[in-house]
Amino acid sequence: MKLALDDCTMGVKVVDVREPSEYAAAHVPGVMFLPLSELQLRLDELDPNQTYYIHCRSGVRSMKLVQFLKQNGFKKVKSVAGGIHAWAEEFDPAMPKV
């Protein structure tokens, strides 16, 4: 995920699907915020031809969303293993693990 955020030539968009309270407590700058609970209403904000890395708290919700998106024509989607917890452990230990 960090490489995708640092290298815009990769053409990857990272999407945080946690809920607003989780996002408010801790988030990665530069990441699109699209709460899973709003996905049905906002699916048109995502381009099926775009590459997306989806992250949540620990990887469970992002895996479900990746499956859903693939069933709906998205081919280049990936769940970020470990979610915000992995990001905090690897890149920002001061970040709350929410």
PDB file of N, CA and C in Angstrom:
ATOM      1  N   MET A   1       0.824  -1.188   0.000  1.00  0.00           N
ATOM      2  CA  MET A   1       0.000   0.000   0.000  1.00  0.00           C
ATOM      3  C   MET A   1       0.866   1.250   0.000  1.00  0.00           C
ATOM      4  N   LYS A   2       1.932   1.255   0.786  1.00  0.00           N
ATOM      5  CA  LYS A   2       2.782   2.440   0.848  1.00  0.00           C
ATOM      6  C   LYS A   2       3.382   2.755  -0.506  1.00  0.00           C
ATOM      7  N   LEU A   3       3.862   1.742  -1.214  1.00  0.00           N
ATOM      8  CA  LEU A   3       4.435   1.958  -2.538  1.00  0.00           C
ATOM      9  C   LEU A   3       3.394   2.551  -3.475  1.00  0.00           C
ATOM     10  N   ALA A   4       2.169   2.042  -3.430  1.00  0.00           N
ATOM     11  CA  ALA A   4       1.106   2.562  -4.284  1.00  0.00           C
ATOM     12  C   ALA A   4       0.816   4.025  -3.978  1.00  0.00           C
ATOM     13  N   LEU A   5       0.895   4.414  -2.724  1.00  0.00           N
ATOM     14  CA  LEU A   5       0.664   5.809  -2.355  1.00  0.00           C
ATOM     15  C   LEU A   5       1.830   6.704  -2.755  1.00  0.00           C
ATOM     16  N   ASP A   6       3.045   6.177  -2.670  1.00  0.00           N
ATOM     17  CA  ASP A   6       4.228   6.972  -2.970  1.00  0.00           C
ATOM     18  C   ASP A   6       4.522   7.091  -4.459  1.00  0.00           C
ATOM     19  N   ASP A   7       4.092   6.116  -5.253  1.00  0.00           N
ATOM     20  CA  ASP A   7       4.419   6.081  -6.675  1.00  0.00           C
ATOM     21  C   ASP A   7       3.149   6.232  -7.502  1.00  0.00           C
ATOM     22  N   CYS A   8       2.843   7.467  -7.891  1.00  0.00           N
ATOM     23  CA  CYS A   8       1.605   7.724  -8.631  1.00  0.00           C
ATOM     24  C   CYS A   8       1.637   7.104 -10.024  1.00  0.00           C
ATOM     25  N   THR A   9       2.809   6.739 -10.522  1.00  0.00           N
ATOM     26  CA  THR A   9       2.881   6.114 -11.844  1.00  0.00           C
ATOM     27  C   THR A   9       2.292   4.700 -11.822  1.00  0.00           C
ATOM     28  N   MET A  10       2.109   4.119 -10.653  1.00  0.00           N
ATOM     29  CA  MET A  10       1.511   2.786 -10.555  1.00  0.00           C
ATOM     30  C   MET A  10       0.034   2.801 -10.931  1.00  0.00           C
ATOM     31  N   GLY A  11      -0.604   3.957 -10.823  1.00  0.00           N
ATOM     32  CA  GLY A  11      -2.016   4.071 -11.182  1.00  0.00           C
ATOM     33  C   GLY A  11      -2.964   3.378 -10.229  1.00  0.00           C
ATOM     34  N   VAL A  12      -2.568   3.223  -8.977  1.00  0.00           N
ATOM     35  CA  VAL A  12      -3.385   2.536  -7.983  1.00  0.00           C
ATOM     36  C   VAL A  12      -4.046   3.563  -7.073  1.00  0.00           C
ATOM     37  N   LYS A  13      -5.316   3.340  -6.788  1.00  0.00           N
ATOM     38  CA  LYS A  13      -6.014   4.142  -5.787  1.00  0.00           C
ATOM     39  C   LYS A  13      -6.266   3.256  -4.585  1.00  0.00           C
ATOM     40  N   VAL A  14      -5.947   3.776  -3.414  1.00  0.00           N
ATOM     41  CA  VAL A  14      -6.183   3.051  -2.169  1.00  0.00           C
ATOM     42  C   VAL A  14      -7.493   3.562  -1.572  1.00  0.00           C
ATOM     43  N   VAL A  15      -8.339   2.647  -1.140  1.00  0.00           N
ATOM     44  CA  VAL A  15      -9.655   2.995  -0.606  1.00  0.00           C
ATOM     45  C   VAL A  15      -9.797   2.432   0.800  1.00  0.00           C
ATOM     46  N   ASP A  16     -10.151   3.301   1.744  1.00  0.00           N
ATOM     47  CA  ASP A  16     -10.411   2.927   3.136  1.00  0.00           C
ATOM     48  C   ASP A  16     -11.916   2.718   3.270  1.00  0.00           C
ATOM     49  N   VAL A  17     -12.337   1.511   3.655  1.00  0.00           N
ATOM     50  CA  VAL A  17     -13.765   1.203   3.741  1.00  0.00           C
ATOM     51  C   VAL A  17     -14.281   1.109   5.175  1.00  0.00           C
ATOM     52  N   ARG A  18     -13.494   1.591   6.134  1.00  0.00           N
ATOM     53  CA  ARG A  18     -13.950   1.571   7.529  1.00  0.00           C
ATOM     54  C   ARG A  18     -15.060   2.592   7.717  1.00  0.00           C
ATOM     55  N   GLU A  19     -15.664   2.584   8.854  1.00  0.00           N
ATOM     56  CA  GLU A  19     -16.761   3.502   9.149  1.00  0.00           C
ATOM     57  C   GLU A  19     -16.214   4.866   9.604  1.00  0.00           C
ATOM     58  N   PRO A  20     -17.054   5.922   9.532  1.00  0.00           N
ATOM     59  CA  PRO A  20     -16.579   7.273   9.848  1.00  0.00           C
ATOM     60  C   PRO A  20     -15.876   7.418  11.197  1.00  0.00           C
ATOM     61  N   SER A  21     -16.367   6.765  12.241  1.00  0.00           N
ATOM     62  CA  SER A  21     -15.725   6.901  13.561  1.00  0.00           C
ATOM     63  C   SER A  21     -14.326   6.287  13.545  1.00  0.00           C
ATOM     64  N   GLU A  22     -14.155   5.185  12.828  1.00  0.00           N
ATOM     65  CA  GLU A  22     -12.843   4.555  12.722  1.00  0.00           C
ATOM     66  C   GLU A  22     -11.887   5.454  11.935  1.00  0.00           C
ATOM     67  N   TYR A  23     -12.384   5.991  10.835  1.00  0.00           N
ATOM     68  CA  TYR A  23     -11.573   6.865   9.979  1.00  0.00           C
ATOM     69  C   TYR A  23     -11.154   8.133  10.735  1.00  0.00           C
ATOM     70  N   ALA A  24     -12.083   8.693  11.508  1.00  0.00           N
ATOM     71  CA  ALA A  24     -11.777   9.913  12.270  1.00  0.00           C
ATOM     72  C   ALA A  24     -10.679   9.670  13.298  1.00  0.00           C
ATOM     73  N   ALA A  25     -10.651   8.485  13.868  1.00  0.00           N
ATOM     74  CA  ALA A  25      -9.663   8.166  14.902  1.00  0.00           C
ATOM     75  C   ALA A  25      -8.269   7.957  14.323  1.00  0.00           C
ATOM     76  N   ALA A  26      -8.188   7.416  13.102  1.00  0.00           N
ATOM     77  CA  ALA A  26      -6.892   7.149  12.477  1.00  0.00           C
ATOM     78  C   ALA A  26      -7.094   6.839  11.005  1.00  0.00           C
ATOM     79  N   HIS A  27      -6.315   7.514  10.160  1.00  0.00           N
ATOM     80  CA  HIS A  27      -6.379   7.211   8.732  1.00  0.00           C
ATOM     81  C   HIS A  27      -5.047   7.540   8.063  1.00  0.00           C
ATOM     82  N   VAL A  28      -4.885   7.000   6.886  1.00  0.00           N
ATOM     83  CA  VAL A  28      -3.671   7.221   6.106  1.00  0.00           C
ATOM     84  C   VAL A  28      -3.938   8.383   5.147  1.00  0.00           C
ATOM     85  N   PRO A  29      -3.139   9.457   5.208  1.00  0.00           N
ATOM     86  CA  PRO A  29      -3.336  10.587   4.305  1.00  0.00           C
ATOM     87  C   PRO A  29      -3.231  10.159   2.837  1.00  0.00           C
ATOM     88  N   GLY A  30      -4.091  10.744   2.006  1.00  0.00           N
ATOM     89  CA  GLY A  30      -4.057  10.459   0.585  1.00  0.00           C
ATOM     90  C   GLY A  30      -4.886   9.271   0.152  1.00  0.00           C
ATOM     91  N   VAL A  31      -5.607   8.671   1.084  1.00  0.00           N
ATOM     92  CA  VAL A  31      -6.415   7.499   0.780  1.00  0.00           C
ATOM     93  C   VAL A  31      -7.873   7.916   0.629  1.00  0.00           C
ATOM     94  N   MET A  32      -8.529   7.406  -0.402  1.00  0.00           N
ATOM     95  CA  MET A  32      -9.947   7.673  -0.610  1.00  0.00           C
ATOM     96  C   MET A  32     -10.743   7.023   0.514  1.00  0.00           C
ATOM     97  N   PHE A  33     -11.729   7.734   1.038  1.00  0.00           N
ATOM     98  CA  PHE A  33     -12.577   7.209   2.108  1.00  0.00           C
ATOM     99  C   PHE A  33     -13.951   6.888   1.546  1.00  0.00           C
ATOM    100  N   LEU A  34     -14.342   5.626   1.631  1.00  0.00           N
ATOM    101  CA  LEU A  34     -15.642   5.164   1.152  1.00  0.00           C
ATOM    102  C   LEU A  34     -16.151   4.101   2.111  1.00  0.00           C
ATOM    103  N   PRO A  35     -16.896   4.514   3.150  1.00  0.00           N
ATOM    104  CA  PRO A  35     -17.369   3.544   4.147  1.00  0.00           C
ATOM    105  C   PRO A  35     -18.153   2.412   3.494  1.00  0.00           C
ATOM    106  N   LEU A  36     -17.891   1.208   3.933  1.00  0.00           N
ATOM    107  CA  LEU A  36     -18.562   0.036   3.388  1.00  0.00           C
ATOM    108  C   LEU A  36     -20.078   0.177   3.488  1.00  0.00           C
ATOM    109  N   SER A  37     -20.562   0.799   4.555  1.00  0.00           N
ATOM    110  CA  SER A  37     -22.000   0.975   4.748  1.00  0.00           C
ATOM    111  C   SER A  37     -22.630   1.895   3.698  1.00  0.00           C
ATOM    112  N   GLU A  38     -21.816   2.674   2.995  1.00  0.00           N
ATOM    113  CA  GLU A  38     -22.323   3.592   1.960  1.00  0.00           C
ATOM    114  C   GLU A  38     -22.062   3.081   0.549  1.00  0.00           C
ATOM    115  N   LEU A  39     -21.448   1.924   0.429  1.00  0.00           N
ATOM    116  CA  LEU A  39     -21.009   1.439  -0.881  1.00  0.00           C
ATOM    117  C   LEU A  39     -22.144   1.340  -1.889  1.00  0.00           C
ATOM    118  N   GLN A  40     -23.270   0.776  -1.504  1.00  0.00           N
ATOM    119  CA  GLN A  40     -24.381   0.615  -2.445  1.00  0.00           C
ATOM    120  C   GLN A  40     -24.806   1.954  -3.047  1.00  0.00           C
ATOM    121  N   LEU A  41     -24.773   3.007  -2.239  1.00  0.00           N
ATOM    122  CA  LEU A  41     -25.182   4.331  -2.711  1.00  0.00           C
ATOM    123  C   LEU A  41     -24.091   5.035  -3.518  1.00  0.00           C
ATOM    124  N   ARG A  42     -22.835   4.632  -3.323  1.00  0.00           N
ATOM    125  CA  ARG A  42     -21.714   5.359  -3.928  1.00  0.00           C
ATOM    126  C   ARG A  42     -20.876   4.506  -4.882  1.00  0.00           C
ATOM    127  N   LEU A  43     -21.368   3.348  -5.273  1.00  0.00           N
ATOM    128  CA  LEU A  43     -20.604   2.460  -6.146  1.00  0.00           C
ATOM    129  C   LEU A  43     -20.201   3.152  -7.441  1.00  0.00           C
ATOM    130  N   ASP A  44     -21.023   4.081  -7.918  1.00  0.00           N
ATOM    131  CA  ASP A  44     -20.712   4.788  -9.165  1.00  0.00           C
ATOM    132  C   ASP A  44     -19.492   5.709  -9.041  1.00  0.00           C
ATOM    133  N   GLU A  45     -18.987   5.921  -7.833  1.00  0.00           N
ATOM    134  CA  GLU A  45     -17.768   6.721  -7.647  1.00  0.00           C
ATOM    135  C   GLU A  45     -16.514   5.919  -7.986  1.00  0.00           C
ATOM    136  N   LEU A  46     -16.671   4.603  -8.134  1.00  0.00           N
ATOM    137  CA  LEU A  46     -15.537   3.739  -8.451  1.00  0.00           C
ATOM    138  C   LEU A  46     -15.573   3.374  -9.929  1.00  0.00           C
ATOM    139  N   ASP A  47     -14.409   3.375 -10.561  1.00  0.00           N
ATOM    140  CA  ASP A  47     -14.259   3.041 -11.969  1.00  0.00           C
ATOM    141  C   ASP A  47     -13.860   1.574 -12.098  1.00  0.00           C
ATOM    142  N   PRO A  48     -14.653   0.753 -12.791  1.00  0.00           N
ATOM    143  CA  PRO A  48     -14.333  -0.671 -12.899  1.00  0.00           C
ATOM    144  C   PRO A  48     -13.005  -0.956 -13.605  1.00  0.00           C
ATOM    145  N   ASN A  49     -12.463   0.030 -14.301  1.00  0.00           N
ATOM    146  CA  ASN A  49     -11.188  -0.142 -15.007  1.00  0.00           C
ATOM    147  C   ASN A  49      -9.981   0.320 -14.190  1.00  0.00           C
ATOM    148  N   GLN A  50     -10.231   0.914 -13.043  1.00  0.00           N
ATOM    149  CA  GLN A  50      -9.175   1.420 -12.165  1.00  0.00           C
ATOM    150  C   GLN A  50      -8.641   0.292 -11.282  1.00  0.00           C
ATOM    151  N   THR A  51      -7.373   0.367 -10.920  1.00  0.00           N
ATOM    152  CA  THR A  51      -6.798  -0.567  -9.951  1.00  0.00           C
ATOM    153  C   THR A  51      -7.007   0.010  -8.553  1.00  0.00           C
ATOM    154  N   TYR A  52      -7.599  -0.797  -7.671  1.00  0.00           N
ATOM    155  CA  TYR A  52      -7.862  -0.374  -6.297  1.00  0.00           C
ATOM    156  C   TYR A  52      -7.224  -1.334  -5.308  1.00  0.00           C
ATOM    157  N   TYR A  53      -6.634  -0.769  -4.259  1.00  0.00           N
ATOM    158  CA  TYR A  53      -6.220  -1.526  -3.091  1.00  0.00           C
ATOM    159  C   TYR A  53      -7.199  -1.127  -1.998  1.00  0.00           C
ATOM    160  N   ILE A  54      -7.925  -2.083  -1.469  1.00  0.00           N
ATOM    161  CA  ILE A  54      -8.965  -1.827  -0.481  1.00  0.00           C
ATOM    162  C   ILE A  54      -8.441  -2.184   0.913  1.00  0.00           C
ATOM    163  N   HIS A  55      -8.607  -1.276   1.871  1.00  0.00           N
ATOM    164  CA  HIS A  55      -8.197  -1.621   3.237  1.00  0.00           C
ATOM    165  C   HIS A  55      -9.267  -1.233   4.242  1.00  0.00           C
ATOM    166  N   CYS A  56      -9.230  -1.961   5.349  1.00  0.00           N
ATOM    167  CA  CYS A  56     -10.157  -1.733   6.452  1.00  0.00           C
ATOM    168  C   CYS A  56      -9.351  -1.785   7.750  1.00  0.00           C
ATOM    169  N   ARG A  57      -9.918  -2.329   8.784  1.00  0.00           N
ATOM    170  CA  ARG A  57      -9.221  -2.401  10.076  1.00  0.00           C
ATOM    171  C   ARG A  57      -8.168  -3.498  10.079  1.00  0.00           C
ATOM    172  N   SER A  58      -8.585  -4.696   9.665  1.00  0.00           N
ATOM    173  CA  SER A  58      -7.643  -5.822   9.729  1.00  0.00           C
ATOM    174  C   SER A  58      -7.627  -6.685   8.471  1.00  0.00           C
ATOM    175  N   GLY A  59      -8.525  -6.421   7.540  1.00  0.00           N
ATOM    176  CA  GLY A  59      -8.524  -7.159   6.283  1.00  0.00           C
ATOM    177  C   GLY A  59      -9.777  -7.953   5.994  1.00  0.00           C
ATOM    178  N   VAL A  60     -10.673  -8.090   6.960  1.00  0.00           N
ATOM    179  CA  VAL A  60     -11.876  -8.906   6.772  1.00  0.00           C
ATOM    180  C   VAL A  60     -12.880  -8.204   5.856  1.00  0.00           C
ATOM    181  N   ARG A  61     -13.232  -6.958   6.171  1.00  0.00           N
ATOM    182  CA  ARG A  61     -14.206  -6.237   5.344  1.00  0.00           C
ATOM    183  C   ARG A  61     -13.679  -5.975   3.946  1.00  0.00           C
ATOM    184  N   SER A  62     -12.386  -5.700   3.846  1.00  0.00           N
ATOM    185  CA  SER A  62     -11.827  -5.435   2.512  1.00  0.00           C
ATOM    186  C   SER A  62     -11.883  -6.681   1.633  1.00  0.00           C
ATOM    187  N   MET A  63     -11.692  -7.862   2.218  1.00  0.00           N
ATOM    188  CA  MET A  63     -11.803  -9.107   1.448  1.00  0.00           C
ATOM    189  C   MET A  63     -13.228  -9.294   0.934  1.00  0.00           C
ATOM    190  N   LYS A  64     -14.208  -9.006   1.765  1.00  0.00           N
ATOM    191  CA  LYS A  64     -15.601  -9.118   1.339  1.00  0.00           C
ATOM    192  C   LYS A  64     -15.904  -8.141   0.211  1.00  0.00           C
ATOM    193  N   LEU A  65     -15.386  -6.928   0.339  1.00  0.00           N
ATOM    194  CA  LEU A  65     -15.622  -5.925  -0.696  1.00  0.00           C
ATOM    195  C   LEU A  65     -14.940  -6.312  -2.004  1.00  0.00           C
ATOM    196  N   VAL A  66     -13.743  -6.837  -1.941  1.00  0.00           N
ATOM    197  CA  VAL A  66     -13.046  -7.275  -3.153  1.00  0.00           C
ATOM    198  C   VAL A  66     -13.886  -8.336  -3.871  1.00  0.00           C
ATOM    199  N   GLN A  67     -14.422  -9.275  -3.138  1.00  0.00           N
ATOM    200  CA  GLN A  67     -15.275 -10.303  -3.752  1.00  0.00           C
ATOM    201  C   GLN A  67     -16.501  -9.665  -4.411  1.00  0.00           C
ATOM    202  N   PHE A  68     -17.135  -8.733  -3.719  1.00  0.00           N
ATOM    203  CA  PHE A  68     -18.304  -8.042  -4.251  1.00  0.00           C
ATOM    204  C   PHE A  68     -17.949  -7.281  -5.527  1.00  0.00           C
ATOM    205  N   LEU A  69     -16.856  -6.533  -5.491  1.00  0.00           N
ATOM    206  CA  LEU A  69     -16.458  -5.743  -6.662  1.00  0.00           C
ATOM    207  C   LEU A  69     -16.144  -6.644  -7.852  1.00  0.00           C
ATOM    208  N   LYS A  70     -15.457  -7.745  -7.615  1.00  0.00           N
ATOM    209  CA  LYS A  70     -15.154  -8.683  -8.705  1.00  0.00           C
ATOM    210  C   LYS A  70     -16.434  -9.244  -9.310  1.00  0.00           C
ATOM    211  N   GLN A  71     -17.421  -9.517  -8.485  1.00  0.00           N
ATOM    212  CA  GLN A  71     -18.707 -10.012  -8.984  1.00  0.00           C
ATOM    213  C   GLN A  71     -19.442  -8.947  -9.797  1.00  0.00           C
ATOM    214  N   ASN A  72     -19.036  -7.689  -9.623  1.00  0.00           N
ATOM    215  CA  ASN A  72     -19.674  -6.577 -10.319  1.00  0.00           C
ATOM    216  C   ASN A  72     -18.788  -5.956 -11.391  1.00  0.00           C
ATOM    217  N   GLY A  73     -17.862  -6.739 -11.925  1.00  0.00           N
ATOM    218  CA  GLY A  73     -17.099  -6.303 -13.088  1.00  0.00           C
ATOM    219  C   GLY A  73     -15.765  -5.634 -12.833  1.00  0.00           C
ATOM    220  N   PHE A  74     -15.372  -5.484 -11.581  1.00  0.00           N
ATOM    221  CA  PHE A  74     -14.072  -4.896 -11.270  1.00  0.00           C
ATOM    222  C   PHE A  74     -13.029  -6.013 -11.341  1.00  0.00           C
ATOM    223  N   LYS A  75     -11.985  -5.813 -12.133  1.00  0.00           N
ATOM    224  CA  LYS A  75     -10.993  -6.875 -12.313  1.00  0.00           C
ATOM    225  C   LYS A  75      -9.688  -6.623 -11.557  1.00  0.00           C
ATOM    226  N   LYS A  76      -9.410  -5.356 -11.260  1.00  0.00           N
ATOM    227  CA  LYS A  76      -8.124  -5.012 -10.663  1.00  0.00           C
ATOM    228  C   LYS A  76      -8.312  -4.467  -9.244  1.00  0.00           C
ATOM    229  N   VAL A  77      -8.775  -5.337  -8.354  1.00  0.00           N
ATOM    230  CA  VAL A  77      -8.981  -4.967  -6.958  1.00  0.00           C
ATOM    231  C   VAL A  77      -8.262  -5.959  -6.063  1.00  0.00           C
ATOM    232  N   LYS A  78      -7.745  -5.442  -4.959  1.00  0.00           N
ATOM    233  CA  LYS A  78      -6.956  -6.262  -4.051  1.00  0.00           C
ATOM    234  C   LYS A  78      -7.209  -5.803  -2.617  1.00  0.00           C
ATOM    235  N   SER A  79      -7.299  -6.737  -1.711  1.00  0.00           N
ATOM    236  CA  SER A  79      -7.426  -6.430  -0.292  1.00  0.00           C
ATOM    237  C   SER A  79      -6.028  -6.231   0.292  1.00  0.00           C
ATOM    238  N   VAL A  80      -5.874  -5.199   1.096  1.00  0.00           N
ATOM    239  CA  VAL A  80      -4.599  -4.948   1.769  1.00  0.00           C
ATOM    240  C   VAL A  80      -4.576  -5.787   3.044  1.00  0.00           C
ATOM    241  N   ALA A  81      -3.703  -6.764   3.063  1.00  0.00           N
ATOM    242  CA  ALA A  81      -3.599  -7.669   4.207  1.00  0.00           C
ATOM    243  C   ALA A  81      -3.277  -6.902   5.479  1.00  0.00           C
ATOM    244  N   GLY A  82      -4.042  -7.152   6.521  1.00  0.00           N
ATOM    245  CA  GLY A  82      -3.770  -6.539   7.818  1.00  0.00           C
ATOM    246  C   GLY A  82      -4.362  -5.161   8.005  1.00  0.00           C
ATOM    247  N   GLY A  83      -4.831  -4.524   6.945  1.00  0.00           N
ATOM    248  CA  GLY A  83      -5.497  -3.225   7.022  1.00  0.00           C
ATOM    249  C   GLY A  83      -4.708  -2.146   7.754  1.00  0.00           C
ATOM    250  N   ILE A  84      -5.449  -1.280   8.458  1.00  0.00           N
ATOM    251  CA  ILE A  84      -4.833  -0.157   9.176  1.00  0.00           C
ATOM    252  C   ILE A  84      -3.927  -0.665  10.296  1.00  0.00           C
ATOM    253  N   HIS A  85      -4.217  -1.840  10.844  1.00  0.00           N
ATOM    254  CA  HIS A  85      -3.347  -2.419  11.877  1.00  0.00           C
ATOM    255  C   HIS A  85      -1.954  -2.663  11.314  1.00  0.00           C
ATOM    256  N   ALA A  86      -1.873  -3.258  10.135  1.00  0.00           N
ATOM    257  CA  ALA A  86      -0.574  -3.541   9.521  1.00  0.00           C
ATOM    258  C   ALA A  86       0.153  -2.241   9.184  1.00  0.00           C
ATOM    259  N   TRP A  87      -0.589  -1.252   8.702  1.00  0.00           N
ATOM    260  CA  TRP A  87       0.017   0.041   8.376  1.00  0.00           C
ATOM    261  C   TRP A  87       0.632   0.658   9.640  1.00  0.00           C
ATOM    262  N   ALA A  88      -0.125   0.657  10.731  1.00  0.00           N
ATOM    263  CA  ALA A  88       0.359   1.234  11.984  1.00  0.00           C
ATOM    264  C   ALA A  88       1.606   0.502  12.472  1.00  0.00           C
ATOM    265  N   GLU A  89       1.587  -0.801  12.418  1.00  0.00           N
ATOM    266  CA  GLU A  89       2.748  -1.569  12.881  1.00  0.00           C
ATOM    267  C   GLU A  89       3.983  -1.339  12.020  1.00  0.00           C
ATOM    268  N   GLU A  90       3.786  -1.268  10.718  1.00  0.00           N
ATOM    269  CA  GLU A  90       4.931  -1.180   9.814  1.00  0.00           C
ATOM    270  C   GLU A  90       5.415   0.240   9.555  1.00  0.00           C
ATOM    271  N   PHE A  91       4.484   1.205   9.448  1.00  0.00           N
ATOM    272  CA  PHE A  91       4.882   2.544   9.008  1.00  0.00           C
ATOM    273  C   PHE A  91       4.635   3.657  10.008  1.00  0.00           C
ATOM    274  N   ASP A  92       3.682   3.490  10.929  1.00  0.00           N
ATOM    275  CA  ASP A  92       3.334   4.579  11.835  1.00  0.00           C
ATOM    276  C   ASP A  92       2.910   4.018  13.201  1.00  0.00           C
ATOM    277  N   PRO A  93       3.877   3.604  14.024  1.00  0.00           N
ATOM    278  CA  PRO A  93       3.564   2.997  15.322  1.00  0.00           C
ATOM    279  C   PRO A  93       2.766   3.901  16.262  1.00  0.00           C
ATOM    280  N   ALA A  94       2.782   5.198  16.040  1.00  0.00           N
ATOM    281  CA  ALA A  94       2.027   6.117  16.897  1.00  0.00           C
ATOM    282  C   ALA A  94       0.537   6.156  16.532  1.00  0.00           C
ATOM    283  N   MET A  95       0.192   5.601  15.379  1.00  0.00           N
ATOM    284  CA  MET A  95      -1.189   5.627  14.926  1.00  0.00           C
ATOM    285  C   MET A  95      -2.037   4.667  15.764  1.00  0.00           C
ATOM    286  N   PRO A  96      -3.217   5.135  16.219  1.00  0.00           N
ATOM    287  CA  PRO A  96      -4.123   4.244  16.941  1.00  0.00           C
ATOM    288  C   PRO A  96      -4.588   3.115  16.030  1.00  0.00           C
ATOM    289  N   LYS A  97      -4.710   1.927  16.572  1.00  0.00           N
ATOM    290  CA  LYS A  97      -5.192   0.790  15.793  1.00  0.00           C
ATOM    291  C   LYS A  97      -6.691   0.656  15.969  1.00  0.00           C
ATOM    292  N   VAL A  98      -7.410   1.474  15.228  1.00  0.00           N
ATOM    293  CA  VAL A  98      -8.855   1.532  15.341  1.00  0.00           C
ATOM    294  C   VAL A  98      -9.500   0.779  14.199  1.00  0.00           C
TER     295      VAL A  98
END
